[in-house]
Amino acid sequence: VQLLKNRSMIQVVKKWEVKNELQVEKIKINTIQNCEFINSRGTNWEIKMSQKDVGNKVPIYKLKKTDEVMKYYDEWGEGNKYDQDMVDWNYTGPKETSEVFIKYQKNKNAKIYDAGCGTGLVGIELKKHGFSNFYGADLSQKLLDLVPKDLYQKLDKVDLNQSIKTKDNYYDIVMCV
């Protein structure tokens, strides 16, 4: 997957091979406001999100221990700050992923495992398209507590670095957005 800069738009380009034939899918992501492109290296771009309250946060990639990550997300979930930041930053990952997903998945009853489901943003988007068989897992109980009631069949607080307690092939789809 690579990001391509195209004026005020970002495209995510997925490349993969099927029987030695290169397949390419471009996913247009809506205009991103309050962002700037930094550190260009060829076609690779890092995206710096809006500075609104980001300066007060520890960059997640610097956290090394599971309990540090859990604490970070638990604190971010207080007062529904996480969802508000997603709105403020014009985060469209769940919406864009869902739009691509529905092009290929026609079985509305498919069992969908939402790994790292957070507050259920992917489930909310997929529900708009008739899907409803969601199972979610996240490290943060605070974020899981913010998932709309009855949206997911089951929610589990788990460390996804460990094996999950589910039999093999139970889910039709695993998503992590």
C-alpha atoms as a PDB file:
ATOM      1  CA  VAL A   1       0.000   0.000   0.000  1.00  0.00           C
ATOM      2  CA  GLN A   2       1.339   3.411  -0.820  1.00  0.00           C
ATOM      3  CA  LEU A   3       0.066   6.955  -0.437  1.00  0.00           C
ATOM      4  CA  LEU A   4       0.177   9.284  -3.397  1.00  0.00           C
ATOM      5  CA  LYS A   5       0.022  13.064  -3.072  1.00  0.00           C
ATOM      6  CA  ASN A   6      -2.352  14.631  -5.572  1.00  0.00           C
ATOM      7  CA  ARG A   7      -2.970  18.288  -4.711  1.00  0.00           C
ATOM      8  CA  SER A   8      -5.482  18.251  -1.835  1.00  0.00           C
ATOM      9  CA  MET A   9      -6.444  14.610  -2.237  1.00  0.00           C
ATOM     10  CA  ILE A  10      -4.859  11.377  -1.103  1.00  0.00           C
ATOM     11  CA  GLN A  11      -5.186   8.104  -2.922  1.00  0.00           C
ATOM     12  CA  VAL A  12      -4.343   4.803  -1.324  1.00  0.00           C
ATOM     13  CA  VAL A  13      -3.015   2.456  -3.952  1.00  0.00           C
ATOM     14  CA  LYS A  14      -3.097  -1.262  -3.202  1.00  0.00           C
ATOM     15  CA  LYS A  15      -0.944  -3.504  -5.330  1.00  0.00           C
ATOM     16  CA  TRP A  16      -0.930  -7.272  -5.280  1.00  0.00           C
ATOM     17  CA  GLU A  17      -0.313 -10.132  -7.669  1.00  0.00           C
ATOM     18  CA  VAL A  18      -2.759 -12.762  -8.817  1.00  0.00           C
ATOM     19  CA  LYS A  19      -1.152 -15.528 -10.868  1.00  0.00           C
ATOM     20  CA  ASN A  20       1.851 -13.284 -11.630  1.00  0.00           C
ATOM     21  CA  GLU A  21      -0.401 -10.505 -12.930  1.00  0.00           C
ATOM     22  CA  LEU A  22      -0.150  -7.165 -11.125  1.00  0.00           C
ATOM     23  CA  GLN A  23      -3.497  -5.977  -9.749  1.00  0.00           C
ATOM     24  CA  VAL A  24      -3.934  -2.341  -8.729  1.00  0.00           C
ATOM     25  CA  GLU A  25      -6.799  -0.672  -6.924  1.00  0.00           C
ATOM     26  CA  LYS A  26      -6.878   3.041  -6.252  1.00  0.00           C
ATOM     27  CA  ILE A  27      -9.046   4.253  -3.424  1.00  0.00           C
ATOM     28  CA  LYS A  28      -9.756   7.971  -3.465  1.00  0.00           C
ATOM     29  CA  ILE A  29      -9.892   9.430   0.010  1.00  0.00           C
ATOM     30  CA  ASN A  30     -11.798  12.674   0.328  1.00  0.00           C
ATOM     31  CA  THR A  31     -10.044  16.000   0.564  1.00  0.00           C
ATOM     32  CA  ILE A  32      -8.148  16.144   3.800  1.00  0.00           C
ATOM     33  CA  GLN A  33      -8.222  19.468   5.547  1.00  0.00           C
ATOM     34  CA  ASN A  34      -5.877  20.577   8.301  1.00  0.00           C
ATOM     35  CA  CYS A  35      -3.161  18.204   7.082  1.00  0.00           C
ATOM     36  CA  GLU A  36       0.205  18.758   5.529  1.00  0.00           C
ATOM     37  CA  PHE A  37       2.516  16.443   3.663  1.00  0.00           C
ATOM     38  CA  ILE A  38       5.978  16.032   5.149  1.00  0.00           C
ATOM     39  CA  ASN A  39       9.160  14.071   4.460  1.00  0.00           C
ATOM     40  CA  SER A  40       8.557  13.050   0.883  1.00  0.00           C
ATOM     41  CA  ARG A  41      10.711  10.130  -0.228  1.00  0.00           C
ATOM     42  CA  GLY A  42       9.826   9.138  -3.770  1.00  0.00           C
ATOM     43  CA  THR A  43       6.157   8.223  -3.724  1.00  0.00           C
ATOM     44  CA  ASN A  44       6.063   7.631   0.021  1.00  0.00           C
ATOM     45  CA  TRP A  45       4.500  10.429   2.057  1.00  0.00           C
ATOM     46  CA  GLU A  46       4.064  10.841   5.759  1.00  0.00           C
ATOM     47  CA  ILE A  47       0.930  12.718   6.725  1.00  0.00           C
ATOM     48  CA  LYS A  48       0.955  15.126   9.608  1.00  0.00           C
ATOM     49  CA  MET A  49      -2.563  15.526  10.974  1.00  0.00           C
ATOM     50  CA  SER A  50      -4.101  18.680  12.342  1.00  0.00           C
ATOM     51  CA  GLN A  51      -2.194  20.059  15.298  1.00  0.00           C
ATOM     52  CA  LYS A  52      -5.410  20.436  17.295  1.00  0.00           C
ATOM     53  CA  ASP A  53      -4.539  18.815  20.614  1.00  0.00           C
ATOM     54  CA  VAL A  54      -2.123  16.400  18.946  1.00  0.00           C
ATOM     55  CA  GLY A  55       0.853  18.024  20.630  1.00  0.00           C
ATOM     56  CA  ASN A  56      -0.402  16.830  24.006  1.00  0.00           C
ATOM     57  CA  LYS A  57      -0.478  13.190  22.921  1.00  0.00           C
ATOM     58  CA  VAL A  58       2.362  10.694  23.003  1.00  0.00           C
ATOM     59  CA  PRO A  59       2.916   9.310  19.486  1.00  0.00           C
ATOM     60  CA  ILE A  60       1.500   5.806  19.674  1.00  0.00           C
ATOM     61  CA  TYR A  61       4.447   4.293  17.804  1.00  0.00           C
ATOM     62  CA  LYS A  62       6.766   5.303  20.651  1.00  0.00           C
ATOM     63  CA  LEU A  63       4.861   3.196  23.184  1.00  0.00           C
ATOM     64  CA  LYS A  64       6.608  -0.140  23.699  1.00  0.00           C
ATOM     65  CA  LYS A  65       4.571  -1.984  26.328  1.00  0.00           C
ATOM     66  CA  THR A  66       1.010  -3.224  26.051  1.00  0.00           C
ATOM     67  CA  ASP A  67      -0.032  -1.562  29.312  1.00  0.00           C
ATOM     68  CA  GLU A  68       1.302   1.792  28.008  1.00  0.00           C
ATOM     69  CA  VAL A  69      -0.811   1.461  24.865  1.00  0.00           C
ATOM     70  CA  MET A  70      -3.875   0.466  26.890  1.00  0.00           C
ATOM     71  CA  LYS A  71      -3.456   3.445  29.221  1.00  0.00           C
ATOM     72  CA  TYR A  72      -2.991   5.785  26.249  1.00  0.00           C
ATOM     73  CA  TYR A  73      -6.242   4.675  24.596  1.00  0.00           C
ATOM     74  CA  ASP A  74      -8.149   4.520  27.895  1.00  0.00           C
ATOM     75  CA  GLU A  75      -7.212   8.147  28.572  1.00  0.00           C
ATOM     76  CA  TRP A  76      -8.083   9.112  25.004  1.00  0.00           C
ATOM     77  CA  GLY A  77     -11.535   7.552  25.473  1.00  0.00           C
ATOM     78  CA  GLU A  78     -12.405   9.667  28.513  1.00  0.00           C
ATOM     79  CA  GLY A  79     -15.229  12.074  27.747  1.00  0.00           C
ATOM     80  CA  ASN A  80     -15.503  10.530  24.267  1.00  0.00           C
ATOM     81  CA  LYS A  81     -12.393  12.511  23.266  1.00  0.00           C
ATOM     82  CA  TYR A  82     -11.350   9.781  20.818  1.00  0.00           C
ATOM     83  CA  ASP A  83     -14.474  10.071  18.643  1.00  0.00           C
ATOM     84  CA  GLN A  84     -14.351  13.865  18.790  1.00  0.00           C
ATOM     85  CA  ASP A  85     -10.736  13.855  17.608  1.00  0.00           C
ATOM     86  CA  MET A  86     -11.688  11.559  14.720  1.00  0.00           C
ATOM     87  CA  VAL A  87     -14.317  14.118  13.653  1.00  0.00           C
ATOM     88  CA  ASP A  88     -11.974  17.081  14.142  1.00  0.00           C
ATOM     89  CA  TRP A  89      -9.237  15.375  12.094  1.00  0.00           C
ATOM     90  CA  ASN A  90     -11.662  14.415   9.310  1.00  0.00           C
ATOM     91  CA  TYR A  91     -10.678  10.769   9.789  1.00  0.00           C
ATOM     92  CA  THR A  92     -12.403   8.777   7.058  1.00  0.00           C
ATOM     93  CA  GLY A  93     -10.676   5.395   7.406  1.00  0.00           C
ATOM     94  CA  PRO A  94     -13.785   3.443   8.478  1.00  0.00           C
ATOM     95  CA  LYS A  95     -15.956   5.036   5.793  1.00  0.00           C
ATOM     96  CA  GLU A  96     -13.436   4.547   2.997  1.00  0.00           C
ATOM     97  CA  THR A  97     -12.673   0.972   4.071  1.00  0.00           C
ATOM     98  CA  SER A  98     -16.383   0.153   4.208  1.00  0.00           C
ATOM     99  CA  GLU A  99     -16.951   1.530   0.714  1.00  0.00           C
ATOM    100  CA  VAL A 100     -14.259  -0.748  -0.692  1.00  0.00           C
ATOM    101  CA  PHE A 101     -15.420  -3.693   1.429  1.00  0.00           C
ATOM    102  CA  ILE A 102     -19.029  -3.587   0.177  1.00  0.00           C
ATOM    103  CA  LYS A 103     -17.822  -3.783  -3.429  1.00  0.00           C
ATOM    104  CA  TYR A 104     -16.440  -7.256  -2.774  1.00  0.00           C
ATOM    105  CA  GLN A 105     -18.465  -8.706   0.098  1.00  0.00           C
ATOM    106  CA  LYS A 106     -22.060  -9.401  -0.889  1.00  0.00           C
ATOM    107  CA  ASN A 107     -22.958 -11.702   2.022  1.00  0.00           C
ATOM    108  CA  LYS A 108     -24.613  -9.327   4.517  1.00  0.00           C
ATOM    109  CA  ASN A 109     -24.642 -12.146   7.129  1.00  0.00           C
ATOM    110  CA  ALA A 110     -20.880 -12.666   7.069  1.00  0.00           C
ATOM    111  CA  LYS A 111     -19.281 -12.868  10.526  1.00  0.00           C
ATOM    112  CA  ILE A 112     -16.969  -9.864  10.728  1.00  0.00           C
ATOM    113  CA  TYR A 113     -14.211  -9.707  13.339  1.00  0.00           C
ATOM    114  CA  ASP A 114     -13.285  -6.067  13.921  1.00  0.00           C
ATOM    115  CA  ALA A 115      -9.795  -6.293  15.411  1.00  0.00           C
ATOM    116  CA  GLY A 116      -8.993  -3.119  17.314  1.00  0.00           C
ATOM    117  CA  CYS A 117     -12.589  -1.944  16.995  1.00  0.00           C
ATOM    118  CA  GLY A 118     -12.151   1.012  19.347  1.00  0.00           C
ATOM    119  CA  THR A 119     -15.497   2.811  19.602  1.00  0.00           C
ATOM    120  CA  GLY A 120     -17.090   0.846  16.758  1.00  0.00           C
ATOM    121  CA  LEU A 121     -16.577   3.282  13.883  1.00  0.00           C
ATOM    122  CA  VAL A 122     -16.216   0.476  11.314  1.00  0.00           C
ATOM    123  CA  GLY A 123     -19.354  -1.268  12.579  1.00  0.00           C
ATOM    124  CA  ILE A 124     -21.295   1.995  12.364  1.00  0.00           C
ATOM    125  CA  GLU A 125     -20.275   2.447   8.725  1.00  0.00           C
ATOM    126  CA  LEU A 126     -20.921  -1.164   7.714  1.00  0.00           C
ATOM    127  CA  LYS A 127     -24.337  -1.119   9.380  1.00  0.00           C
ATOM    128  CA  LYS A 128     -25.328   1.671   6.972  1.00  0.00           C
ATOM    129  CA  HIS A 129     -24.798  -0.883   4.172  1.00  0.00           C
ATOM    130  CA  GLY A 130     -26.856  -3.661   5.755  1.00  0.00           C
ATOM    131  CA  PHE A 131     -24.159  -5.599   7.620  1.00  0.00           C
ATOM    132  CA  SER A 132     -24.837  -6.489  11.244  1.00  0.00           C
ATOM    133  CA  ASN A 133     -22.891  -9.570  12.289  1.00  0.00           C
ATOM    134  CA  PHE A 134     -19.973  -7.812  14.023  1.00  0.00           C
ATOM    135  CA  TYR A 135     -17.663  -9.125  16.711  1.00  0.00           C
ATOM    136  CA  GLY A 136     -15.243  -6.599  18.169  1.00  0.00           C
ATOM    137  CA  ALA A 137     -12.025  -6.710  20.133  1.00  0.00           C
ATOM    138  CA  ASP A 138      -9.920  -3.927  21.554  1.00  0.00           C
ATOM    139  CA  LEU A 139      -7.266  -3.400  24.189  1.00  0.00           C
ATOM    140  CA  SER A 140      -9.074  -0.416  25.706  1.00  0.00           C
ATOM    141  CA  GLN A 141     -12.122  -1.062  27.871  1.00  0.00           C
ATOM    142  CA  LYS A 142     -12.865   2.685  27.849  1.00  0.00           C
ATOM    143  CA  LEU A 143     -13.196   2.637  24.066  1.00  0.00           C
ATOM    144  CA  LEU A 144     -15.256  -0.559  24.120  1.00  0.00           C
ATOM    145  CA  ASP A 145     -17.611   1.100  26.610  1.00  0.00           C
ATOM    146  CA  LEU A 146     -18.291   3.792  23.984  1.00  0.00           C
ATOM    147  CA  VAL A 147     -19.419   1.336  21.286  1.00  0.00           C
ATOM    148  CA  PRO A 148     -23.135   1.883  20.606  1.00  0.00           C
ATOM    149  CA  LYS A 149     -25.232  -0.700  22.428  1.00  0.00           C
ATOM    150  CA  ASP A 150     -26.397  -3.688  20.361  1.00  0.00           C
ATOM    151  CA  LEU A 151     -24.146  -2.791  17.409  1.00  0.00           C
ATOM    152  CA  TYR A 152     -21.781  -5.744  17.948  1.00  0.00           C
ATOM    153  CA  GLN A 153     -22.772  -9.334  18.731  1.00  0.00           C
ATOM    154  CA  LYS A 154     -19.901  -9.531  21.194  1.00  0.00           C
ATOM    155  CA  LEU A 155     -17.141  -7.236  22.429  1.00  0.00           C
ATOM    156  CA  ASP A 156     -13.962  -8.505  24.060  1.00  0.00           C
ATOM    157  CA  LYS A 157     -11.167  -6.658  25.792  1.00  0.00           C
ATOM    158  CA  VAL A 158      -8.118  -8.465  24.441  1.00  0.00           C
ATOM    159  CA  ASP A 159      -4.474  -7.965  23.625  1.00  0.00           C
ATOM    160  CA  LEU A 160      -4.330  -8.677  19.901  1.00  0.00           C
ATOM    161  CA  ASN A 161      -0.625  -9.462  20.227  1.00  0.00           C
ATOM    162  CA  GLN A 162      -1.790 -12.702  21.860  1.00  0.00           C
ATOM    163  CA  SER A 163      -3.883 -15.548  20.473  1.00  0.00           C
ATOM    164  CA  ILE A 164      -7.601 -14.929  20.665  1.00  0.00           C
ATOM    165  CA  LYS A 165      -9.858 -17.503  22.266  1.00  0.00           C
ATOM    166  CA  THR A 166     -11.873 -18.411  19.181  1.00  0.00           C
ATOM    167  CA  LYS A 167     -11.832 -21.563  17.113  1.00  0.00           C
ATOM    168  CA  ASP A 168     -10.091 -21.410  13.745  1.00  0.00           C
ATOM    169  CA  ASN A 169     -12.178 -20.271  10.754  1.00  0.00           C
ATOM    170  CA  TYR A 170     -15.018 -19.019  12.956  1.00  0.00           C
ATOM    171  CA  TYR A 171     -15.086 -15.584  11.290  1.00  0.00           C
ATOM    172  CA  ASP A 172     -15.646 -14.970   7.602  1.00  0.00           C
ATOM    173  CA  ILE A 173     -13.799 -11.648   7.607  1.00  0.00           C
ATOM    174  CA  VAL A 174     -11.181 -10.014   9.824  1.00  0.00           C
ATOM    175  CA  MET A 175     -10.841  -6.248   9.597  1.00  0.00           C
ATOM    176  CA  CYS A 176      -8.397  -3.935  11.301  1.00  0.00           C
ATOM    177  CA  VAL A 177      -8.830  -0.267  10.429  1.00  0.00           C
END
